[in-house]
Amino acid sequence: MNIKKYKQNAVVLIAVMFYLGTFVNTANSAPNKLVKSIPVFAPTMPGLPSLQQRATIQNKWLKQRLDLLIPDLMREAGVDMWLIIAREYNEDPVLETMLPSTWMSARRRMVLIFHDQGKNKGVERLAVARYPVGDLFPSAWDPDAQPDQWARVAEIIKEKNPSSIAVNISDTFPLADGLSVSQYRQLKNALGESLEERLVSNDSLAIGWLETRIPAEMATYQTIMRVAHRIVERGLSEEVITPGVTTTDDVVWWYRETLAQLKVSPWCQPSVSVQRAGMSTFDIEKMVLENGNIILPGDLVHVDFCMSYMGLKTDTQQMAYVRRPNEMSAPKGLREGLYAANKVQDALTDNFKAGLSGNEILFAARKEAINSGLTPTIYTHPIGYHGHGAGPSIGSWEQQNGSKGTGDYRMRANTAYSIELNAIEAVPEWNDQKVRFMLEVDGYFTGNSFYYIDGRQTELLLIPR
């Protein structure tokens, strides 16, 4: 036995177990955005916190979020009251994120009320529902005293007498459009004409709530991203892939089974695809249709992997090269193609600025990348409670001329983004065949600077390592 090599491997494994098995609470300082995401081969995935532990942490986050974010959001929007209304199994996307972690849905009809009493008294929270919503929203309805739930809503509003009442209706953002037609009609009937005139729709409340991350969340987001990256890297290794035998579909289901074993949910089906010399130019629209390919030596393998953990989403794309016999690394043209995608990332994130719209950032980034000789496609999106989250759209893969509405929304501080894009490069070793180098990695914008939450891929992973 090679004792020296055994000790080195043991040290690596212990380090991985530490990083994956412990909640990181030292992520308050932003890591350097140029730090590489180092491939680590771990034969097993260490245990994650129990479901009960996760629920406890999520509930603490929710309480902090309600206390910290709601007052500023309401005052910035200029509204005195915010109503969020939903029924069981037809939840408003915002209401879903305000339920305790053990509540799987709303109960019957639920009306959450936020009433700004001023800076001295703060924002009062009420639930016009049969039950209090945990210890977050006390119940303000006694069905014995007032059998009509809508009448009770109207009573509270008349008592508080707000000058403006926000509801979640939006032509632009699906995540801010949670009030159903039937509930809107019944609300208006209950309020009467004088109070109905005070109803306003305000996207910035719902979107601001969903997109803003608090420090406690970001302290753990780094660990969540680290778990996602290690799962992706394991799937792109000889542990899972045997060239000439394993199909892309095999790898897809390995990812699904791994998440199930860890009691972690996917928020989208993983996809795995290959590009190889002699293959027609990769078509992103056909990505899922190519999942039956057998992975061969010389292939460039791409993974798109989505994970939901602790209520937060990750979205990751990485690439690996399957070494041919006697090859020690990927062909230079493939390595340089990945570097080109990194340069597009830099062009994008260098143009992040609070107050700019998603479209303005897209146009500036594309101009910078194209002037550098790159062929970029940028389709970056916010991430957080939802995979394709609340906030400004920064391009879409089929539309590089900006997105009307969602692309006009302006970037705010304390928001997270999935930096999703690709660069097309000719590879000399493949007879100048054009190859699409696709990357996706999650990062955080403080308002002054941007950093990758757990680094980014800057070198192709190798199969075998």
Protein backbone atom coordinates (compact mmCIF):
# COMPACT_ATOMS: atom_id res chain seq x y z
CA MET A 1 0.00 0.00 0.00
CA ASN A 2 1.21 3.48 -0.87
CA ILE A 3 0.94 5.06 2.59
CA LYS A 4 1.70 8.58 1.37
CA LYS A 5 -1.01 8.47 -1.30
CA TYR A 6 -3.48 6.94 1.20
CA LYS A 7 -2.90 9.79 3.66
CA GLN A 8 -3.33 12.39 0.91
CA ASN A 9 -6.64 10.85 -0.14
CA ALA A 10 -7.83 10.72 3.47
CA VAL A 11 -7.09 14.41 3.93
CA VAL A 12 -9.08 15.28 0.81
CA LEU A 13 -12.03 13.17 1.93
CA ILE A 14 -12.07 14.68 5.40
CA ALA A 15 -12.06 18.16 3.87
CA VAL A 16 -14.98 17.32 1.62
CA MET A 17 -16.94 15.85 4.53
CA PHE A 18 -16.33 19.00 6.52
CA TYR A 19 -17.51 21.29 3.75
CA LEU A 20 -20.60 19.28 2.89
CA GLY A 21 -21.61 18.14 6.35
CA THR A 22 -21.40 21.46 8.15
CA PHE A 23 -23.46 24.58 7.70
CA VAL A 24 -21.11 27.37 6.74
CA ASN A 25 -21.63 30.51 8.78
CA THR A 26 -18.48 32.26 7.64
CA ALA A 27 -19.78 33.21 4.19
CA ASN A 28 -20.50 36.80 5.19
CA SER A 29 -17.38 37.97 3.39
CA ALA A 30 -17.62 37.70 -0.40
CA PRO A 31 -15.09 35.32 -1.96
CA ASN A 32 -12.98 36.56 -4.84
CA LYS A 33 -14.99 36.07 -8.02
CA LEU A 34 -11.95 34.67 -9.81
CA VAL A 35 -11.51 31.77 -7.39
CA LYS A 36 -11.74 28.48 -9.26
CA SER A 37 -14.24 25.80 -8.40
CA ILE A 38 -11.82 22.94 -7.69
CA PRO A 39 -13.03 19.53 -8.89
CA VAL A 40 -13.12 17.10 -5.98
CA PHE A 41 -13.90 13.41 -6.35
CA ALA A 42 -15.79 12.16 -3.31
CA PRO A 43 -16.69 8.45 -3.20
CA THR A 44 -19.62 9.17 -0.87
CA MET A 45 -21.75 12.19 -0.08
CA PRO A 46 -21.66 13.00 3.64
CA GLY A 47 -24.94 13.33 5.51
CA LEU A 48 -26.86 16.59 5.39
CA PRO A 49 -28.87 18.11 8.26
CA SER A 50 -32.08 16.32 9.10
CA LEU A 51 -35.41 17.52 7.74
CA GLN A 52 -36.31 18.76 11.21
CA GLN A 53 -33.10 20.79 11.46
CA ARG A 54 -33.68 22.28 8.02
CA ALA A 55 -37.25 23.25 8.95
CA THR A 56 -36.09 24.99 12.13
CA ILE A 57 -33.56 27.07 10.21
CA GLN A 58 -36.05 27.97 7.48
CA ASN A 59 -38.57 29.19 10.06
CA LYS A 60 -35.92 31.43 11.64
CA TRP A 61 -35.13 32.86 8.22
CA LEU A 62 -38.80 33.52 7.52
CA LYS A 63 -39.29 35.44 10.77
CA GLN A 64 -36.21 37.56 10.05
CA ARG A 65 -37.34 38.22 6.50
CA LEU A 66 -40.79 39.37 7.58
CA ASP A 67 -39.34 41.65 10.22
CA LEU A 68 -36.53 43.07 8.08
CA LEU A 69 -37.89 43.32 4.56
CA ILE A 70 -41.60 44.07 4.67
CA PRO A 71 -41.47 47.57 6.24
CA ASP A 72 -38.91 48.88 3.75
CA LEU A 73 -40.66 47.29 0.77
CA MET A 74 -44.04 48.76 1.68
CA ARG A 75 -42.67 52.23 2.32
CA GLU A 76 -40.63 52.19 -0.85
CA ALA A 77 -43.76 51.18 -2.79
CA GLY A 78 -45.80 53.84 -1.00
CA VAL A 79 -48.60 51.55 0.20
CA ASP A 80 -50.23 51.35 3.63
CA MET A 81 -51.64 47.85 3.34
CA TRP A 82 -50.79 44.69 1.40
CA LEU A 83 -53.27 41.85 0.98
CA ILE A 84 -52.17 38.37 -0.10
CA ILE A 85 -55.10 36.07 -0.77
CA ALA A 86 -55.05 32.39 -1.74
CA ARG A 87 -56.91 29.15 -1.33
CA GLU A 88 -55.66 25.68 -0.52
CA TYR A 89 -53.81 24.16 -3.52
CA ASN A 90 -54.09 27.39 -5.47
CA GLU A 91 -51.49 29.37 -3.57
CA ASP A 92 -50.18 32.76 -4.53
CA PRO A 93 -46.40 32.27 -5.23
CA VAL A 94 -45.64 34.93 -2.61
CA LEU A 95 -47.92 33.40 0.01
CA GLU A 96 -46.22 30.02 -0.46
CA THR A 97 -42.94 31.58 0.69
CA MET A 98 -44.56 33.05 3.81
CA LEU A 99 -45.86 29.77 5.23
CA PRO A 100 -44.03 27.95 8.03
CA SER A 101 -41.83 25.16 6.72
CA THR A 102 -44.21 22.47 8.00
CA TRP A 103 -47.19 23.95 6.15
CA MET A 104 -47.41 22.28 2.76
CA SER A 105 -50.19 24.57 1.54
CA ALA A 106 -52.63 27.26 2.57
CA ARG A 107 -55.60 26.11 4.64
CA ARG A 108 -58.98 26.75 3.05
CA ARG A 109 -59.01 30.44 2.12
CA MET A 110 -56.20 32.45 3.66
CA VAL A 111 -55.95 36.24 3.67
CA LEU A 112 -52.68 37.68 4.92
CA ILE A 113 -52.74 41.37 5.84
CA PHE A 114 -49.76 43.67 6.27
CA HIS A 115 -50.64 47.07 7.71
CA ASP A 116 -47.98 49.75 8.04
CA GLN A 117 -48.68 51.64 11.26
CA GLY A 118 -45.74 53.99 10.78
CA LYS A 119 -42.06 53.79 11.66
CA ASN A 120 -42.67 53.90 15.41
CA LYS A 121 -45.22 51.07 15.54
CA GLY A 122 -44.01 49.08 12.54
CA VAL A 123 -45.93 46.73 10.25
CA GLU A 124 -48.76 44.73 11.79
CA ARG A 125 -49.30 41.21 10.46
CA LEU A 126 -52.70 39.49 10.54
CA ALA A 127 -54.31 36.40 9.06
CA VAL A 128 -58.01 36.39 8.26
CA ALA A 129 -58.13 32.62 8.51
CA ARG A 130 -59.49 29.98 10.85
CA TYR A 131 -56.01 29.32 12.16
CA PRO A 132 -53.03 31.49 13.08
CA VAL A 133 -50.17 31.02 10.61
CA GLY A 134 -47.60 29.67 13.04
CA ASP A 135 -46.37 32.45 15.28
CA LEU A 136 -46.01 34.80 12.31
CA PHE A 137 -49.59 35.88 11.57
CA PRO A 138 -52.11 35.78 14.44
CA SER A 139 -55.65 34.95 13.40
CA ALA A 140 -57.92 38.00 13.22
CA TRP A 141 -61.12 36.14 12.49
CA ASP A 142 -63.60 34.48 14.86
CA PRO A 143 -66.12 32.64 12.66
CA ASP A 144 -68.57 32.43 15.57
CA ALA A 145 -68.66 36.20 15.90
CA GLN A 146 -68.57 36.91 12.15
CA PRO A 147 -69.38 33.88 9.97
CA ASP A 148 -68.57 35.73 6.71
CA GLN A 149 -64.80 35.73 6.10
CA TRP A 150 -64.97 38.45 3.44
CA ALA A 151 -67.04 40.65 5.72
CA ARG A 152 -64.31 40.29 8.35
CA VAL A 153 -61.69 41.36 5.81
CA ALA A 154 -63.75 44.46 5.04
CA GLU A 155 -64.17 45.22 8.77
CA ILE A 156 -60.41 45.16 9.35
CA ILE A 157 -59.72 47.38 6.35
CA LYS A 158 -62.34 49.92 7.42
CA GLU A 159 -60.86 49.92 10.92
CA LYS A 160 -57.28 50.47 9.68
CA ASN A 161 -58.44 52.92 6.98
CA PRO A 162 -55.41 52.61 4.65
CA SER A 163 -55.09 55.10 1.80
CA SER A 164 -53.78 52.42 -0.57
CA ILE A 165 -54.18 48.64 -0.58
CA ALA A 166 -51.77 46.57 -2.69
CA VAL A 167 -52.83 43.24 -4.22
CA ASN A 168 -50.82 40.80 -6.31
CA ILE A 169 -51.98 41.46 -9.85
CA SER A 170 -49.36 41.85 -12.58
CA ASP A 171 -49.36 41.90 -16.37
CA THR A 172 -45.57 41.49 -16.38
CA PHE A 173 -44.44 39.05 -13.70
CA PRO A 174 -46.17 35.68 -13.17
CA LEU A 175 -44.72 35.52 -9.66
CA ALA A 176 -46.47 38.81 -8.80
CA ASP A 177 -49.79 37.74 -10.33
CA GLY A 178 -51.07 35.42 -7.63
CA LEU A 179 -54.54 36.83 -6.97
CA SER A 180 -57.07 34.72 -8.85
CA VAL A 181 -60.00 36.28 -10.70
CA SER A 182 -62.61 34.75 -8.40
CA GLN A 183 -60.91 36.01 -5.25
CA TYR A 184 -60.44 39.47 -6.75
CA ARG A 185 -64.14 39.66 -7.59
CA GLN A 186 -65.15 38.60 -4.09
CA LEU A 187 -62.72 41.05 -2.52
CA LYS A 188 -64.17 43.93 -4.52
CA ASN A 189 -67.72 42.95 -3.61
CA ALA A 190 -66.79 42.83 0.07
CA LEU A 191 -65.03 46.21 0.06
CA GLY A 192 -67.65 48.23 -1.74
CA GLU A 193 -66.99 51.05 -4.15
CA SER A 194 -65.28 53.49 -1.76
CA LEU A 195 -62.65 51.01 -0.54
CA GLU A 196 -62.31 49.28 -3.90
CA GLU A 197 -60.95 52.51 -5.33
CA ARG A 198 -57.96 52.19 -2.99
CA LEU A 199 -56.82 48.87 -4.51
CA VAL A 200 -53.52 49.08 -6.40
CA SER A 201 -51.25 46.53 -8.03
CA ASN A 202 -47.58 46.95 -7.29
CA ASP A 203 -45.06 44.50 -8.76
CA SER A 204 -42.24 45.81 -6.61
CA LEU A 205 -43.76 44.41 -3.40
CA ALA A 206 -44.02 40.82 -4.57
CA ILE A 207 -40.84 40.88 -6.64
CA GLY A 208 -38.89 42.72 -3.95
CA TRP A 209 -39.92 40.16 -1.34
CA LEU A 210 -39.03 37.19 -3.52
CA GLU A 211 -35.75 38.47 -4.94
CA THR A 212 -34.13 39.91 -1.80
CA ARG A 213 -31.82 37.66 0.20
CA ILE A 214 -30.98 38.32 3.86
CA PRO A 215 -27.54 37.71 5.42
CA ALA A 216 -28.66 34.54 7.23
CA GLU A 217 -29.74 32.97 3.94
CA MET A 218 -26.52 33.90 2.18
CA ALA A 219 -24.46 32.40 5.01
CA THR A 220 -25.94 29.01 4.11
CA TYR A 221 -26.35 29.53 0.36
CA GLN A 222 -22.64 28.87 -0.07
CA THR A 223 -23.01 25.43 1.48
CA ILE A 224 -26.09 24.73 -0.64
CA MET A 225 -24.15 25.65 -3.79
CA ARG A 226 -21.19 23.56 -2.68
CA VAL A 227 -23.44 20.50 -2.35
CA ALA A 228 -24.86 21.13 -5.83
CA HIS A 229 -21.42 21.51 -7.37
CA ARG A 230 -20.12 18.32 -5.79
CA ILE A 231 -23.12 16.34 -7.00
CA VAL A 232 -22.59 17.67 -10.53
CA GLU A 233 -18.89 16.83 -10.40
CA ARG A 234 -19.55 13.30 -9.16
CA GLY A 235 -21.94 12.72 -12.03
CA LEU A 236 -19.26 13.92 -14.44
CA SER A 237 -16.71 11.39 -13.25
CA GLU A 238 -15.70 7.75 -13.70
CA GLU A 239 -17.81 6.95 -10.65
CA VAL A 240 -20.88 7.31 -12.88
CA ILE A 241 -19.67 7.32 -16.49
CA THR A 242 -18.07 4.35 -18.24
CA PRO A 243 -17.27 5.49 -21.79
CA GLY A 244 -18.86 3.30 -24.41
CA VAL A 245 -21.43 1.97 -21.93
CA THR A 246 -23.11 4.82 -20.04
CA THR A 247 -25.77 6.88 -21.80
CA THR A 248 -26.63 10.48 -21.15
CA ASP A 249 -30.00 9.27 -19.86
CA ASP A 250 -28.22 7.03 -17.33
CA VAL A 251 -26.48 10.07 -15.93
CA VAL A 252 -29.74 12.04 -15.78
CA TRP A 253 -31.34 9.40 -13.58
CA TRP A 254 -28.22 9.01 -11.46
CA TYR A 255 -28.68 12.68 -10.56
CA ARG A 256 -32.34 12.15 -9.73
CA GLU A 257 -31.60 9.09 -7.58
CA THR A 258 -28.79 10.89 -5.77
CA LEU A 259 -31.06 13.80 -4.87
CA ALA A 260 -33.72 11.39 -3.63
CA GLN A 261 -31.20 9.62 -1.38
CA LEU A 262 -30.14 12.97 0.10
CA LYS A 263 -33.79 14.03 0.66
CA VAL A 264 -33.23 16.96 -1.64
CA SER A 265 -35.64 17.92 -4.42
CA PRO A 266 -35.00 18.82 -8.06
CA TRP A 267 -36.93 21.80 -9.35
CA CYS A 268 -36.33 20.76 -12.95
CA GLN A 269 -35.39 17.55 -14.70
CA PRO A 270 -31.59 17.37 -15.18
CA SER A 271 -30.33 17.20 -18.75
CA VAL A 272 -27.13 15.66 -20.05
CA SER A 273 -25.92 16.06 -23.64
CA VAL A 274 -22.78 15.53 -25.70
CA GLN A 275 -20.94 17.27 -28.48
CA ARG A 276 -18.29 15.42 -30.46
CA ALA A 277 -16.14 15.79 -33.55
CA GLY A 278 -18.22 15.28 -36.69
CA MET A 279 -21.51 15.94 -34.93
CA SER A 280 -23.71 18.69 -36.35
CA THR A 281 -23.62 22.01 -34.52
CA PHE A 282 -25.17 21.65 -31.10
CA ASP A 283 -28.77 22.88 -31.01
CA ILE A 284 -29.85 24.04 -27.56
CA GLU A 285 -33.51 23.42 -28.43
CA LYS A 286 -32.78 19.71 -28.86
CA MET A 287 -30.84 19.32 -25.62
CA VAL A 288 -33.36 17.05 -23.90
CA LEU A 289 -33.93 15.00 -27.06
CA GLU A 290 -30.26 13.98 -27.09
CA ASN A 291 -30.40 12.21 -23.73
CA GLY A 292 -30.12 8.76 -25.34
CA ASN A 293 -26.55 9.18 -26.56
CA ILE A 294 -23.88 6.72 -25.43
CA ILE A 295 -20.99 8.71 -23.98
CA LEU A 296 -17.75 7.99 -25.85
CA PRO A 297 -14.06 8.88 -25.48
CA GLY A 298 -13.46 12.28 -27.03
CA ASP A 299 -16.92 13.60 -26.10
CA LEU A 300 -17.60 17.00 -24.57
CA VAL A 301 -20.32 16.33 -21.99
CA HIS A 302 -22.67 19.01 -20.69
CA VAL A 303 -24.91 18.87 -17.60
CA ASP A 304 -27.74 21.17 -16.59
CA PHE A 305 -28.67 20.43 -12.96
CA CYS A 306 -31.31 22.04 -10.73
CA MET A 307 -31.67 21.54 -6.99
CA SER A 308 -34.01 22.88 -4.29
CA TYR A 309 -32.70 22.80 -0.74
CA MET A 310 -33.76 24.72 2.36
CA GLY A 311 -36.27 26.61 0.21
CA LEU A 312 -33.52 28.02 -2.03
CA LYS A 313 -32.78 26.98 -5.60
CA THR A 314 -29.54 26.26 -7.42
CA ASP A 315 -29.04 26.13 -11.18
CA THR A 316 -25.77 24.71 -12.48
CA GLN A 317 -24.28 23.87 -15.86
CA GLN A 318 -20.82 22.39 -16.17
CA MET A 319 -18.83 20.63 -18.89
CA ALA A 320 -16.45 17.68 -18.93
CA TYR A 321 -14.21 16.02 -21.48
CA VAL A 322 -13.95 12.24 -21.83
CA ARG A 323 -10.25 11.49 -22.29
CA ARG A 324 -9.11 9.23 -25.08
CA PRO A 325 -6.46 6.59 -24.30
CA ASN A 326 -3.11 8.25 -23.53
CA GLU A 327 -4.65 11.75 -23.39
CA MET A 328 -3.71 13.69 -20.27
CA SER A 329 -5.98 16.66 -20.92
CA ALA A 330 -8.67 17.96 -23.22
CA PRO A 331 -7.68 19.34 -26.63
CA LYS A 332 -6.48 22.93 -26.46
CA GLY A 333 -9.37 24.17 -28.61
CA LEU A 334 -11.91 22.82 -26.12
CA ARG A 335 -10.05 24.32 -23.18
CA GLU A 336 -9.92 27.69 -24.91
CA GLY A 337 -13.63 27.44 -25.70
CA LEU A 338 -14.39 27.19 -21.99
CA TYR A 339 -12.17 30.19 -21.34
CA ALA A 340 -14.20 32.10 -23.94
CA ALA A 341 -17.38 31.33 -21.97
CA ASN A 342 -15.62 32.61 -18.82
CA LYS A 343 -14.87 35.86 -20.67
CA VAL A 344 -18.54 36.24 -21.52
CA GLN A 345 -19.29 35.74 -17.81
CA ASP A 346 -16.86 38.53 -16.98
CA ALA A 347 -18.38 40.84 -19.59
CA LEU A 348 -21.80 40.26 -18.03
CA THR A 349 -21.02 40.56 -14.34
CA ASP A 350 -18.69 43.53 -14.86
CA ASN A 351 -21.77 45.43 -16.04
CA PHE A 352 -23.93 44.63 -13.01
CA LYS A 353 -25.01 47.90 -11.45
CA ALA A 354 -27.88 48.74 -9.11
CA GLY A 355 -30.53 50.76 -10.91
CA LEU A 356 -29.77 49.45 -14.39
CA SER A 357 -32.46 47.41 -16.12
CA GLY A 358 -31.90 43.84 -17.19
CA ASN A 359 -31.99 44.98 -20.83
CA GLU A 360 -29.41 47.70 -20.25
CA ILE A 361 -27.07 45.19 -18.62
CA LEU A 362 -27.63 42.71 -21.47
CA PHE A 363 -26.83 45.24 -24.18
CA ALA A 364 -23.70 46.50 -22.42
CA ALA A 365 -22.44 42.96 -21.78
CA ARG A 366 -23.04 41.80 -25.35
CA LYS A 367 -21.30 44.86 -26.76
CA GLU A 368 -18.27 44.28 -24.55
CA ALA A 369 -18.10 40.56 -25.38
CA ILE A 370 -18.55 41.03 -29.14
CA ASN A 371 -15.92 43.77 -29.22
CA SER A 372 -13.56 41.24 -27.60
CA GLY A 373 -14.08 38.84 -30.50
CA LEU A 374 -16.52 36.54 -28.72
CA THR A 375 -19.81 35.05 -29.95
CA PRO A 376 -22.04 35.29 -26.87
CA THR A 377 -25.58 34.24 -26.08
CA ILE A 378 -26.74 35.49 -22.66
CA TYR A 379 -29.85 34.21 -20.89
CA THR A 380 -29.25 34.99 -17.25
CA HIS A 381 -32.04 35.01 -14.68
CA PRO A 382 -32.59 35.76 -10.98
CA ILE A 383 -32.62 32.82 -8.58
CA GLY A 384 -33.73 32.31 -4.99
CA TYR A 385 -37.11 30.98 -3.91
CA HIS A 386 -37.69 30.01 -7.54
CA GLY A 387 -35.28 28.65 -10.13
CA HIS A 388 -36.29 31.16 -12.77
CA GLY A 389 -36.76 33.68 -10.04
CA ALA A 390 -38.14 37.14 -9.38
CA GLY A 391 -36.24 40.12 -10.72
CA PRO A 392 -34.83 41.42 -14.00
CA SER A 393 -34.50 39.12 -17.01
CA ILE A 394 -31.09 39.51 -18.66
CA GLY A 395 -31.71 38.07 -22.09
CA SER A 396 -33.24 34.76 -23.14
CA TRP A 397 -31.56 32.12 -25.26
CA GLU A 398 -33.97 32.71 -28.17
CA GLN A 399 -34.04 36.52 -27.82
CA GLN A 400 -30.90 38.64 -27.54
CA ASN A 401 -32.63 41.97 -28.22
CA GLY A 402 -33.98 42.36 -24.71
CA SER A 403 -37.15 41.25 -22.94
CA LYS A 404 -40.08 43.62 -22.79
CA GLY A 405 -41.40 44.10 -19.28
CA THR A 406 -39.29 41.67 -17.29
CA GLY A 407 -36.11 43.02 -18.89
CA ASP A 408 -37.13 46.59 -18.00
CA TYR A 409 -37.11 45.81 -14.27
CA ARG A 410 -34.09 47.32 -12.52
CA MET A 411 -31.40 45.46 -10.64
CA ARG A 412 -31.45 45.82 -6.87
CA ALA A 413 -28.96 45.11 -4.11
CA ASN A 414 -28.92 41.84 -2.15
CA THR A 415 -30.13 39.72 -5.04
CA ALA A 416 -28.92 36.44 -6.52
CA TYR A 417 -28.56 35.47 -10.18
CA SER A 418 -27.94 32.37 -12.21
CA ILE A 419 -25.25 33.45 -14.68
CA GLU A 420 -26.43 31.38 -17.65
CA LEU A 421 -24.86 31.87 -21.08
CA ASN A 422 -22.75 30.32 -23.80
CA ALA A 423 -20.02 31.12 -26.28
CA ILE A 424 -19.61 29.51 -29.69
CA GLU A 425 -16.04 28.78 -30.72
CA ALA A 426 -14.40 26.92 -33.63
CA VAL A 427 -12.25 24.02 -32.37
CA PRO A 428 -9.14 23.40 -34.53
CA GLU A 429 -8.74 19.79 -33.35
CA TRP A 430 -12.29 19.12 -34.60
CA ASN A 431 -11.62 20.57 -38.09
CA ASP A 432 -12.79 24.00 -36.92
CA GLN A 433 -16.19 22.59 -35.99
CA LYS A 434 -18.22 25.15 -34.08
CA VAL A 435 -18.87 24.08 -30.50
CA ARG A 436 -21.21 25.66 -27.98
CA PHE A 437 -19.63 26.13 -24.54
CA MET A 438 -22.47 26.43 -22.03
CA LEU A 439 -22.03 27.43 -18.42
CA GLU A 440 -24.36 28.32 -15.58
CA VAL A 441 -23.34 29.30 -12.08
CA ASP A 442 -25.07 31.16 -9.27
CA GLY A 443 -23.80 34.41 -7.81
CA TYR A 444 -24.78 37.28 -5.53
CA PHE A 445 -24.95 41.03 -6.13
CA THR A 446 -24.37 43.11 -2.99
CA GLY A 447 -25.32 46.40 -4.62
CA ASN A 448 -21.67 47.34 -5.04
CA SER A 449 -20.05 44.13 -6.28
CA PHE A 450 -20.78 40.65 -7.57
CA TYR A 451 -19.32 37.32 -6.50
CA TYR A 452 -19.90 33.66 -7.30
CA ILE A 453 -21.47 31.97 -4.31
CA ASP A 454 -19.21 28.90 -4.55
CA GLY A 455 -16.76 29.80 -7.29
CA ARG A 456 -17.14 28.94 -10.97
CA GLN A 457 -15.85 26.37 -13.42
CA THR A 458 -12.73 27.60 -15.23
CA GLU A 459 -11.32 24.23 -16.34
CA LEU A 460 -13.01 21.32 -18.05
CA LEU A 461 -13.61 18.37 -15.76
CA LEU A 462 -11.88 15.22 -17.01
CA ILE A 463 -13.38 11.73 -17.26
CA PRO A 464 -11.56 9.85 -15.81
CA ARG A 465 -9.95 12.38 -13.50
